[in-house]
Amino acid sequence: MGSAGAARRALQLALNHANGRKAFGHKLIHQPLMRNLLADLCVESEAHTMNAMYMARAFDRYYTASSSSAEDIETEKELFRIGVSVSKYFVTKRLPGFVYECMEALGGNGYVEDFPMARLFRQSPLNAIWEGSGNVIALDILRGHAALPILLKDIQQVRGSDSRLDAYVAQVEATVNAVRKDPLSLESQRGARNLVDRLALALQASILVRYGDKQIAEAFLASRIPSVEGSAARGANFGGYAVYNEALTDSILSRNMPVFEV
C-alpha cells in the first residue's frame, strides 16, 4: 500500500508540472509523446491502487468474517496471505522505475533535493528491500504454493470477459500446476520471479476488469497482457507499452489530473 501511495504521489507531481510547464510553444500536457507517457503512468498507478485496496478488503473480510463458515474464513486468509506476497513483490519492484519516469518529466528540477520528487525517488527502493528482497518473497510464495489455487480461482472470476486475459491466465495456471508438483526443485526456484510477475499481472488485470474503470481496464489489458497479435508492437518502458489513441489518452488524463481547491 505504501508503494502504491508513493506511485500516486509521484504521478500527481508529474501531472501538475506537465499541466503548467511550457515547451516548444505548448504545455507539456499537450505534447503527444508526453501525453502517451503520462497516460501509461496513470494506468499503472490505478492498477497498483486497486490492487492495494483489494488486498485491504481481503484483510478486512478475513478479520471480520465472524458469521462466515470456517472454510470461507480459511479461504479469505489464504487469499490474503498469498495475494499480499504477490502484490508486494510486484508493486515494490515497479516503483523505482515508475518514480524515475515521473522525475524525468520534471527535468533537472525533479532531480535536485529542493523538490519532493528527489526524495520520492531516493526512497522508492526501500519497501522492496525492507519488506523482503525480491528473491526472498518469490521463494516464500513457492513455500506457500498450497494457496496458489485459491489465488487463481479469485483471478478466474472474470473468465470469459476477455479472450486475451483468459489465454494469459491459462498459461499462468499451467505453470502453477507444474511448480506445485515440486515447488522446491531447482527449476521451480529459477522460475520463481517469472511466475510471480505473471501472477501479479493477472491479478491486477482481473481486479481492474471487475471493479475498475472500463477504459483503464482495457488500456491495462492492451498494454500489459501479452497477446500473439500485439506482442511485436509492445515496448519495454513506460510510455512504450502501448500507443493509446487520443480519445482514450484524454479520458485517462482527465480522470487522474489533480484538482486544487481555491
C-alpha atoms as a PDB file:
ATOM      1  CA  MET A   1       0.000   0.000   0.000  1.00  0.00           C
ATOM      2  CA  GLY A   2       2.872   2.360   0.758  1.00  0.00           C
ATOM      3  CA  SER A   3       4.411   1.827  -2.678  1.00  0.00           C
ATOM      4  CA  ALA A   4       1.037   2.312  -4.397  1.00  0.00           C
ATOM      5  CA  GLY A   5       0.657   5.590  -2.498  1.00  0.00           C
ATOM      6  CA  ALA A   6       4.170   6.718  -3.427  1.00  0.00           C
ATOM      7  CA  ALA A   7       3.445   6.000  -7.086  1.00  0.00           C
ATOM      8  CA  ARG A   8       0.286   8.062  -6.899  1.00  0.00           C
ATOM      9  CA  ARG A   9       2.128  10.949  -5.234  1.00  0.00           C
ATOM     10  CA  ALA A  10       4.868  10.954  -7.876  1.00  0.00           C
ATOM     11  CA  LEU A  11       2.277  10.837 -10.656  1.00  0.00           C
ATOM     12  CA  GLN A  12       0.379  13.798  -9.213  1.00  0.00           C
ATOM     13  CA  LEU A  13       3.578  15.854  -9.137  1.00  0.00           C
ATOM     14  CA  ALA A  14       4.340  14.944 -12.756  1.00  0.00           C
ATOM     15  CA  LEU A  15       0.810  15.712 -13.960  1.00  0.00           C
ATOM     16  CA  ASN A  16       0.753  19.044 -12.154  1.00  0.00           C
ATOM     17  CA  HIS A  17       4.133  20.011 -13.613  1.00  0.00           C
ATOM     18  CA  ALA A  18       3.165  18.982 -17.139  1.00  0.00           C
ATOM     19  CA  ASN A  19      -0.041  20.998 -16.877  1.00  0.00           C
ATOM     20  CA  GLY A  20       1.888  24.180 -16.101  1.00  0.00           C
ATOM     21  CA  ARG A  21       5.228  23.835 -17.904  1.00  0.00           C
ATOM     22  CA  LYS A  22       5.521  25.075 -21.486  1.00  0.00           C
ATOM     23  CA  ALA A  23       7.992  23.681 -24.016  1.00  0.00           C
ATOM     24  CA  PHE A  24       8.178  24.211 -27.778  1.00  0.00           C
ATOM     25  CA  GLY A  25       5.212  26.573 -27.706  1.00  0.00           C
ATOM     26  CA  HIS A  26       2.779  24.319 -25.857  1.00  0.00           C
ATOM     27  CA  LYS A  27       2.185  22.972 -22.375  1.00  0.00           C
ATOM     28  CA  LEU A  28       3.859  19.617 -21.790  1.00  0.00           C
ATOM     29  CA  ILE A  29       0.456  18.101 -21.098  1.00  0.00           C
ATOM     30  CA  HIS A  30      -0.482  18.866 -24.723  1.00  0.00           C
ATOM     31  CA  GLN A  31       2.625  17.314 -26.283  1.00  0.00           C
ATOM     32  CA  PRO A  32       1.645  13.952 -27.867  1.00  0.00           C
ATOM     33  CA  LEU A  33       4.578  11.895 -26.590  1.00  0.00           C
ATOM     34  CA  MET A  34       4.318  13.282 -23.064  1.00  0.00           C
ATOM     35  CA  ARG A  35       0.573  12.607 -23.087  1.00  0.00           C
ATOM     36  CA  ASN A  36       1.127   8.974 -24.002  1.00  0.00           C
ATOM     37  CA  LEU A  37       3.750   8.573 -21.267  1.00  0.00           C
ATOM     38  CA  LEU A  38       1.585  10.189 -18.604  1.00  0.00           C
ATOM     39  CA  ALA A  39      -1.439   8.132 -19.644  1.00  0.00           C
ATOM     40  CA  ASP A  40       0.647   4.963 -19.321  1.00  0.00           C
ATOM     41  CA  LEU A  41       1.771   6.003 -15.849  1.00  0.00           C
ATOM     42  CA  CYS A  42      -1.858   6.672 -14.914  1.00  0.00           C
ATOM     43  CA  VAL A  43      -2.822   3.156 -15.978  1.00  0.00           C
ATOM     44  CA  GLU A  44      -0.013   1.701 -13.856  1.00  0.00           C
ATOM     45  CA  SER A  45      -0.903   3.819 -10.829  1.00  0.00           C
ATOM     46  CA  GLU A  46      -4.585   2.904 -10.962  1.00  0.00           C
ATOM     47  CA  ALA A  47      -3.697  -0.787 -11.175  1.00  0.00           C
ATOM     48  CA  HIS A  48      -1.471  -0.525  -8.090  1.00  0.00           C
ATOM     49  CA  THR A  49      -4.097   1.443  -6.148  1.00  0.00           C
ATOM     50  CA  MET A  50      -6.884  -1.014  -6.962  1.00  0.00           C
ATOM     51  CA  ASN A  51      -4.551  -3.882  -6.074  1.00  0.00           C
ATOM     52  CA  ALA A  52      -3.812  -2.347  -2.657  1.00  0.00           C
ATOM     53  CA  MET A  53      -7.495  -1.715  -1.933  1.00  0.00           C
ATOM     54  CA  TYR A  54      -8.434  -5.245  -2.954  1.00  0.00           C
ATOM     55  CA  MET A  55      -5.893  -6.749  -0.594  1.00  0.00           C
ATOM     56  CA  ALA A  56      -7.126  -4.434   2.160  1.00  0.00           C
ATOM     57  CA  ARG A  57     -10.620  -5.783   1.550  1.00  0.00           C
ATOM     58  CA  ALA A  58      -9.355  -9.353   1.762  1.00  0.00           C
ATOM     59  CA  PHE A  59      -7.748  -8.498   5.106  1.00  0.00           C
ATOM     60  CA  ASP A  60     -10.968  -6.923   6.359  1.00  0.00           C
ATOM     61  CA  ARG A  61     -13.129  -9.845   5.229  1.00  0.00           C
ATOM     62  CA  TYR A  62     -10.826 -12.310   6.949  1.00  0.00           C
ATOM     63  CA  TYR A  63     -10.687 -10.483  10.273  1.00  0.00           C
ATOM     64  CA  THR A  64     -14.374  -9.530  10.396  1.00  0.00           C
ATOM     65  CA  ALA A  65     -15.876 -12.737   8.986  1.00  0.00           C
ATOM     66  CA  SER A  66     -17.286 -13.953  12.305  1.00  0.00           C
ATOM     67  CA  SER A  67     -20.568 -15.036  10.673  1.00  0.00           C
ATOM     68  CA  SER A  68     -18.885 -16.915   7.818  1.00  0.00           C
ATOM     69  CA  SER A  69     -18.127 -20.605   7.761  1.00  0.00           C
ATOM     70  CA  ALA A  70     -14.722 -21.847   8.866  1.00  0.00           C
ATOM     71  CA  GLU A  71     -13.985 -22.830   5.257  1.00  0.00           C
ATOM     72  CA  ASP A  72     -14.768 -19.327   3.945  1.00  0.00           C
ATOM     73  CA  ILE A  73     -12.625 -17.711   6.618  1.00  0.00           C
ATOM     74  CA  GLU A  74      -9.716 -20.013   5.776  1.00  0.00           C
ATOM     75  CA  THR A  75     -10.122 -19.188   2.070  1.00  0.00           C
ATOM     76  CA  GLU A  76     -10.004 -15.450   2.789  1.00  0.00           C
ATOM     77  CA  LYS A  77      -6.953 -15.989   4.999  1.00  0.00           C
ATOM     78  CA  GLU A  78      -5.092 -17.859   2.274  1.00  0.00           C
ATOM     79  CA  LEU A  79      -6.117 -15.335  -0.396  1.00  0.00           C
ATOM     80  CA  PHE A  80      -4.805 -12.509   1.757  1.00  0.00           C
ATOM     81  CA  ARG A  81      -1.609 -14.359   2.608  1.00  0.00           C
ATOM     82  CA  ILE A  82      -0.638 -15.242  -0.962  1.00  0.00           C
ATOM     83  CA  GLY A  83      -2.185 -12.158  -2.585  1.00  0.00           C
ATOM     84  CA  VAL A  84      -0.250  -9.753  -0.394  1.00  0.00           C
ATOM     85  CA  SER A  85       3.030 -11.522  -1.126  1.00  0.00           C
ATOM     86  CA  VAL A  86       2.455 -11.454  -4.886  1.00  0.00           C
ATOM     87  CA  SER A  87       1.309  -7.828  -4.816  1.00  0.00           C
ATOM     88  CA  LYS A  88       4.111  -6.668  -2.517  1.00  0.00           C
ATOM     89  CA  TYR A  89       6.755  -8.242  -4.727  1.00  0.00           C
ATOM     90  CA  PHE A  90       5.388  -6.705  -7.909  1.00  0.00           C
ATOM     91  CA  VAL A  91       4.385  -3.201  -6.808  1.00  0.00           C
ATOM     92  CA  THR A  92       7.549  -2.514  -4.816  1.00  0.00           C
ATOM     93  CA  LYS A  93       9.661  -3.726  -7.748  1.00  0.00           C
ATOM     94  CA  ARG A  94       7.839  -1.445 -10.186  1.00  0.00           C
ATOM     95  CA  LEU A  95       8.063   1.671  -8.037  1.00  0.00           C
ATOM     96  CA  PRO A  96      11.662   2.880  -8.690  1.00  0.00           C
ATOM     97  CA  GLY A  97      11.217   2.862 -12.472  1.00  0.00           C
ATOM     98  CA  PHE A  98       7.814   4.496 -12.126  1.00  0.00           C
ATOM     99  CA  VAL A  99       9.098   7.340  -9.932  1.00  0.00           C
ATOM    100  CA  TYR A 100      12.081   7.796 -12.235  1.00  0.00           C
ATOM    101  CA  GLU A 101       9.773   8.429 -15.209  1.00  0.00           C
ATOM    102  CA  CYS A 102       7.803  10.955 -13.169  1.00  0.00           C
ATOM    103  CA  MET A 103      11.053  12.622 -12.105  1.00  0.00           C
ATOM    104  CA  GLU A 104      12.240  12.770 -15.712  1.00  0.00           C
ATOM    105  CA  ALA A 105       9.054  14.635 -16.641  1.00  0.00           C
ATOM    106  CA  LEU A 106      10.209  17.436 -14.359  1.00  0.00           C
ATOM    107  CA  GLY A 107      13.661  17.609 -15.929  1.00  0.00           C
ATOM    108  CA  GLY A 108      16.527  18.848 -13.747  1.00  0.00           C
ATOM    109  CA  ASN A 109      14.154  20.221 -11.130  1.00  0.00           C
ATOM    110  CA  GLY A 110      12.965  16.699 -10.456  1.00  0.00           C
ATOM    111  CA  TYR A 111      16.473  15.557  -9.567  1.00  0.00           C
ATOM    112  CA  VAL A 112      17.554  18.263  -7.114  1.00  0.00           C
ATOM    113  CA  GLU A 113      16.707  17.976  -3.426  1.00  0.00           C
ATOM    114  CA  ASP A 114      14.765  21.255  -3.395  1.00  0.00           C
ATOM    115  CA  PHE A 115      11.813  19.393  -4.918  1.00  0.00           C
ATOM    116  CA  PRO A 116       9.884  16.438  -3.403  1.00  0.00           C
ATOM    117  CA  MET A 117      10.402  14.116  -6.376  1.00  0.00           C
ATOM    118  CA  ALA A 118      14.052  13.558  -5.469  1.00  0.00           C
ATOM    119  CA  ARG A 119      13.046  12.279  -2.021  1.00  0.00           C
ATOM    120  CA  LEU A 120      10.401  10.006  -3.521  1.00  0.00           C
ATOM    121  CA  PHE A 121      12.962   8.553  -5.896  1.00  0.00           C
ATOM    122  CA  ARG A 122      15.562   8.072  -3.166  1.00  0.00           C
ATOM    123  CA  GLN A 123      13.043   6.206  -1.004  1.00  0.00           C
ATOM    124  CA  SER A 124      11.448   4.218  -3.848  1.00  0.00           C
ATOM    125  CA  PRO A 125      13.588   1.042  -3.459  1.00  0.00           C
ATOM    126  CA  LEU A 126      13.116   0.959   0.314  1.00  0.00           C
ATOM    127  CA  ASN A 127       9.955  -1.150   0.580  1.00  0.00           C
ATOM    128  CA  ALA A 128      11.358  -3.821  -1.729  1.00  0.00           C
ATOM    129  CA  ILE A 129      14.439  -4.068   0.498  1.00  0.00           C
ATOM    130  CA  TRP A 130      12.908  -3.756   3.962  1.00  0.00           C
ATOM    131  CA  GLU A 131       9.859  -5.912   3.241  1.00  0.00           C
ATOM    132  CA  GLY A 132      11.974  -8.790   1.982  1.00  0.00           C
ATOM    133  CA  SER A 133      14.107  -8.759  -1.145  1.00  0.00           C
ATOM    134  CA  GLY A 134      12.588  -9.977  -4.400  1.00  0.00           C
ATOM    135  CA  ASN A 135      14.230 -13.371  -4.136  1.00  0.00           C
ATOM    136  CA  VAL A 136      13.024 -13.886  -0.570  1.00  0.00           C
ATOM    137  CA  ILE A 137       9.414 -13.017  -1.425  1.00  0.00           C
ATOM    138  CA  ALA A 138       9.381 -15.150  -4.580  1.00  0.00           C
ATOM    139  CA  LEU A 139      10.741 -18.173  -2.691  1.00  0.00           C
ATOM    140  CA  ASP A 140       8.272 -17.562   0.133  1.00  0.00           C
ATOM    141  CA  ILE A 141       5.461 -17.767  -2.432  1.00  0.00           C
ATOM    142  CA  LEU A 142       6.825 -21.134  -3.558  1.00  0.00           C
ATOM    143  CA  ARG A 143       6.729 -22.309   0.047  1.00  0.00           C
ATOM    144  CA  GLY A 144       3.101 -21.188   0.226  1.00  0.00           C
ATOM    145  CA  HIS A 145       2.224 -22.921  -3.035  1.00  0.00           C
ATOM    146  CA  ALA A 146      -0.815 -24.631  -1.493  1.00  0.00           C
ATOM    147  CA  ALA A 147      -2.614 -21.263  -1.578  1.00  0.00           C
ATOM    148  CA  LEU A 148      -1.903 -20.574  -5.255  1.00  0.00           C
ATOM    149  CA  PRO A 149      -5.084 -22.365  -6.492  1.00  0.00           C
ATOM    150  CA  ILE A 150      -7.130 -20.009  -4.265  1.00  0.00           C
ATOM    151  CA  LEU A 151      -5.475 -17.001  -5.881  1.00  0.00           C
ATOM    152  CA  LEU A 152      -6.057 -18.438  -9.355  1.00  0.00           C
ATOM    153  CA  LYS A 153      -9.710 -19.104  -8.543  1.00  0.00           C
ATOM    154  CA  ASP A 154     -10.077 -15.481  -7.480  1.00  0.00           C
ATOM    155  CA  ILE A 155      -8.401 -14.252 -10.672  1.00  0.00           C
ATOM    156  CA  GLN A 156     -10.623 -16.503 -12.780  1.00  0.00           C
ATOM    157  CA  GLN A 157     -13.795 -14.789 -11.608  1.00  0.00           C
ATOM    158  CA  VAL A 158     -13.522 -12.770 -14.831  1.00  0.00           C
ATOM    159  CA  ARG A 159     -13.205 -15.834 -17.069  1.00  0.00           C
ATOM    160  CA  GLY A 160     -14.991 -15.222 -20.352  1.00  0.00           C
ATOM    161  CA  SER A 161     -14.846 -11.418 -20.165  1.00  0.00           C
ATOM    162  CA  ASP A 162     -11.711 -11.049 -22.305  1.00  0.00           C
ATOM    163  CA  SER A 163     -10.029 -13.633 -24.537  1.00  0.00           C
ATOM    164  CA  ARG A 164      -6.561 -12.124 -24.017  1.00  0.00           C
ATOM    165  CA  LEU A 165      -6.824 -12.428 -20.263  1.00  0.00           C
ATOM    166  CA  ASP A 166      -8.320 -15.927 -20.469  1.00  0.00           C
ATOM    167  CA  ALA A 167      -5.390 -17.161 -22.558  1.00  0.00           C
ATOM    168  CA  TYR A 168      -2.860 -15.461 -20.290  1.00  0.00           C
ATOM    169  CA  VAL A 169      -4.359 -16.887 -17.090  1.00  0.00           C
ATOM    170  CA  ALA A 170      -4.477 -20.366 -18.652  1.00  0.00           C
ATOM    171  CA  GLN A 171      -0.725 -20.162 -19.286  1.00  0.00           C
ATOM    172  CA  VAL A 172      -0.092 -18.981 -15.724  1.00  0.00           C
ATOM    173  CA  GLU A 173      -2.249 -21.786 -14.344  1.00  0.00           C
ATOM    174  CA  ALA A 174      -0.249 -24.366 -16.318  1.00  0.00           C
ATOM    175  CA  THR A 175       2.962 -23.012 -14.782  1.00  0.00           C
ATOM    176  CA  VAL A 176       1.456 -23.065 -11.297  1.00  0.00           C
ATOM    177  CA  ASN A 177       0.388 -26.696 -11.731  1.00  0.00           C
ATOM    178  CA  ALA A 178       3.877 -27.645 -12.877  1.00  0.00           C
ATOM    179  CA  VAL A 179       5.530 -25.804  -9.982  1.00  0.00           C
ATOM    180  CA  ARG A 180       3.246 -27.362  -7.362  1.00  0.00           C
ATOM    181  CA  LYS A 181       4.476 -30.841  -8.305  1.00  0.00           C
ATOM    182  CA  ASP A 182       7.905 -29.930  -6.917  1.00  0.00           C
ATOM    183  CA  PRO A 183       7.938 -26.339  -5.618  1.00  0.00           C
ATOM    184  CA  LEU A 184      11.477 -26.505  -4.239  1.00  0.00           C
ATOM    185  CA  SER A 185      13.125 -28.008  -7.320  1.00  0.00           C
ATOM    186  CA  LEU A 186      15.927 -26.063  -8.964  1.00  0.00           C
ATOM    187  CA  GLU A 187      13.695 -25.388 -11.958  1.00  0.00           C
ATOM    188  CA  SER A 188      10.893 -24.013  -9.773  1.00  0.00           C
ATOM    189  CA  GLN A 189      13.301 -21.782  -7.892  1.00  0.00           C
ATOM    190  CA  ARG A 190      14.882 -20.443 -11.086  1.00  0.00           C
ATOM    191  CA  GLY A 191      11.465 -19.527 -12.438  1.00  0.00           C
ATOM    192  CA  ALA A 192      10.006 -18.091  -9.228  1.00  0.00           C
ATOM    193  CA  ARG A 193      10.318 -14.447 -10.192  1.00  0.00           C
ATOM    194  CA  ASN A 194       8.847 -15.099 -13.625  1.00  0.00           C
ATOM    195  CA  LEU A 195       5.856 -16.839 -12.087  1.00  0.00           C
ATOM    196  CA  VAL A 196       5.208 -14.113  -9.520  1.00  0.00           C
ATOM    197  CA  ASP A 197       5.418 -11.372 -12.177  1.00  0.00           C
ATOM    198  CA  ARG A 198       2.808 -13.174 -14.261  1.00  0.00           C
ATOM    199  CA  LEU A 199       0.556 -13.856 -11.293  1.00  0.00           C
ATOM    200  CA  ALA A 200       0.676 -10.186 -10.312  1.00  0.00           C
ATOM    201  CA  LEU A 201      -0.232  -9.005 -13.812  1.00  0.00           C
ATOM    202  CA  ALA A 202      -3.100 -11.485 -13.974  1.00  0.00           C
ATOM    203  CA  LEU A 203      -4.345 -10.387 -10.543  1.00  0.00           C
ATOM    204  CA  GLN A 204      -4.236  -6.684 -11.381  1.00  0.00           C
ATOM    205  CA  ALA A 205      -5.958  -7.271 -14.714  1.00  0.00           C
ATOM    206  CA  SER A 206      -8.695  -9.300 -13.022  1.00  0.00           C
ATOM    207  CA  ILE A 207      -9.262  -6.642 -10.353  1.00  0.00           C
ATOM    208  CA  LEU A 208      -9.475  -3.851 -12.939  1.00  0.00           C
ATOM    209  CA  VAL A 209     -11.910  -5.803 -15.111  1.00  0.00           C
ATOM    210  CA  ARG A 210     -14.137  -6.467 -12.094  1.00  0.00           C
ATOM    211  CA  TYR A 211     -14.009  -3.161 -10.265  1.00  0.00           C
ATOM    212  CA  GLY A 212     -12.017  -0.597 -12.255  1.00  0.00           C
ATOM    213  CA  ASP A 213     -12.874   2.000 -14.849  1.00  0.00           C
ATOM    214  CA  LYS A 214     -13.660   0.201 -18.129  1.00  0.00           C
ATOM    215  CA  GLN A 215     -11.266   2.328 -20.170  1.00  0.00           C
ATOM    216  CA  ILE A 216      -8.449   1.860 -17.673  1.00  0.00           C
ATOM    217  CA  ALA A 217      -9.076  -1.886 -17.655  1.00  0.00           C
ATOM    218  CA  GLU A 218      -8.950  -2.024 -21.456  1.00  0.00           C
ATOM    219  CA  ALA A 219      -5.778   0.068 -21.530  1.00  0.00           C
ATOM    220  CA  PHE A 220      -4.171  -2.251 -18.976  1.00  0.00           C
ATOM    221  CA  LEU A 221      -5.089  -5.361 -20.950  1.00  0.00           C
ATOM    222  CA  ALA A 222      -3.861  -3.842 -24.213  1.00  0.00           C
ATOM    223  CA  SER A 223      -0.551  -2.665 -22.759  1.00  0.00           C
ATOM    224  CA  ARG A 224       0.338  -5.261 -20.101  1.00  0.00           C
ATOM    225  CA  ILE A 225      -1.227  -8.594 -21.049  1.00  0.00           C
ATOM    226  CA  PRO A 226       0.765 -10.286 -23.835  1.00  0.00           C
ATOM    227  CA  SER A 227      -1.088 -11.362 -26.960  1.00  0.00           C
ATOM    228  CA  VAL A 228       0.140 -13.032 -30.132  1.00  0.00           C
ATOM    229  CA  GLU A 229      -1.190 -10.202 -32.269  1.00  0.00           C
ATOM    230  CA  GLY A 230       0.261  -7.307 -30.281  1.00  0.00           C
ATOM    231  CA  SER A 231       3.439  -8.682 -28.733  1.00  0.00           C
ATOM    232  CA  ALA A 232       5.718  -7.441 -31.518  1.00  0.00           C
ATOM    233  CA  ALA A 233       4.447  -3.872 -31.108  1.00  0.00           C
ATOM    234  CA  ARG A 234       4.885  -3.652 -27.320  1.00  0.00           C
ATOM    235  CA  GLY A 235       7.787  -1.624 -25.958  1.00  0.00           C
ATOM    236  CA  ALA A 236       9.778  -2.291 -22.812  1.00  0.00           C
ATOM    237  CA  ASN A 237       9.474   1.011 -20.910  1.00  0.00           C
ATOM    238  CA  PHE A 238       6.751   3.247 -19.544  1.00  0.00           C
ATOM    239  CA  GLY A 239       5.217   5.197 -22.398  1.00  0.00           C
ATOM    240  CA  GLY A 240       6.150   2.421 -24.796  1.00  0.00           C
ATOM    241  CA  TYR A 241       3.942  -0.421 -23.592  1.00  0.00           C
ATOM    242  CA  ALA A 242       1.190   0.845 -25.884  1.00  0.00           C
ATOM    243  CA  VAL A 243       0.288   3.777 -28.118  1.00  0.00           C
ATOM    244  CA  TYR A 244      -3.076   4.994 -26.855  1.00  0.00           C
ATOM    245  CA  ASN A 245      -5.474   6.809 -29.160  1.00  0.00           C
ATOM    246  CA  GLU A 246      -6.182  10.453 -28.376  1.00  0.00           C
ATOM    247  CA  ALA A 247      -9.701   9.886 -27.049  1.00  0.00           C
ATOM    248  CA  LEU A 248      -8.505   7.256 -24.579  1.00  0.00           C
ATOM    249  CA  THR A 249      -5.487   9.360 -23.589  1.00  0.00           C
ATOM    250  CA  ASP A 250      -7.692  12.375 -22.915  1.00  0.00           C
ATOM    251  CA  SER A 251     -10.071  10.299 -20.791  1.00  0.00           C
ATOM    252  CA  ILE A 252      -7.250   8.752 -18.749  1.00  0.00           C
ATOM    253  CA  LEU A 253      -5.530  12.072 -18.100  1.00  0.00           C
ATOM    254  CA  SER A 254      -8.778  13.855 -17.253  1.00  0.00           C
ATOM    255  CA  ARG A 255      -9.726  11.350 -14.548  1.00  0.00           C
ATOM    256  CA  ASN A 256      -6.243  11.488 -12.996  1.00  0.00           C
ATOM    257  CA  MET A 257      -5.447  15.204 -13.219  1.00  0.00           C
ATOM    258  CA  PRO A 258      -5.046  16.735  -9.727  1.00  0.00           C
ATOM    259  CA  VAL A 259      -7.646  19.316  -8.780  1.00  0.00           C
ATOM    260  CA  PHE A 260      -6.765  22.092  -6.355  1.00  0.00           C
ATOM    261  CA  GLU A 261      -9.419  23.772  -4.256  1.00  0.00           C
ATOM    262  CA  VAL A 262      -9.043  27.572  -4.089  1.00  0.00           C
END
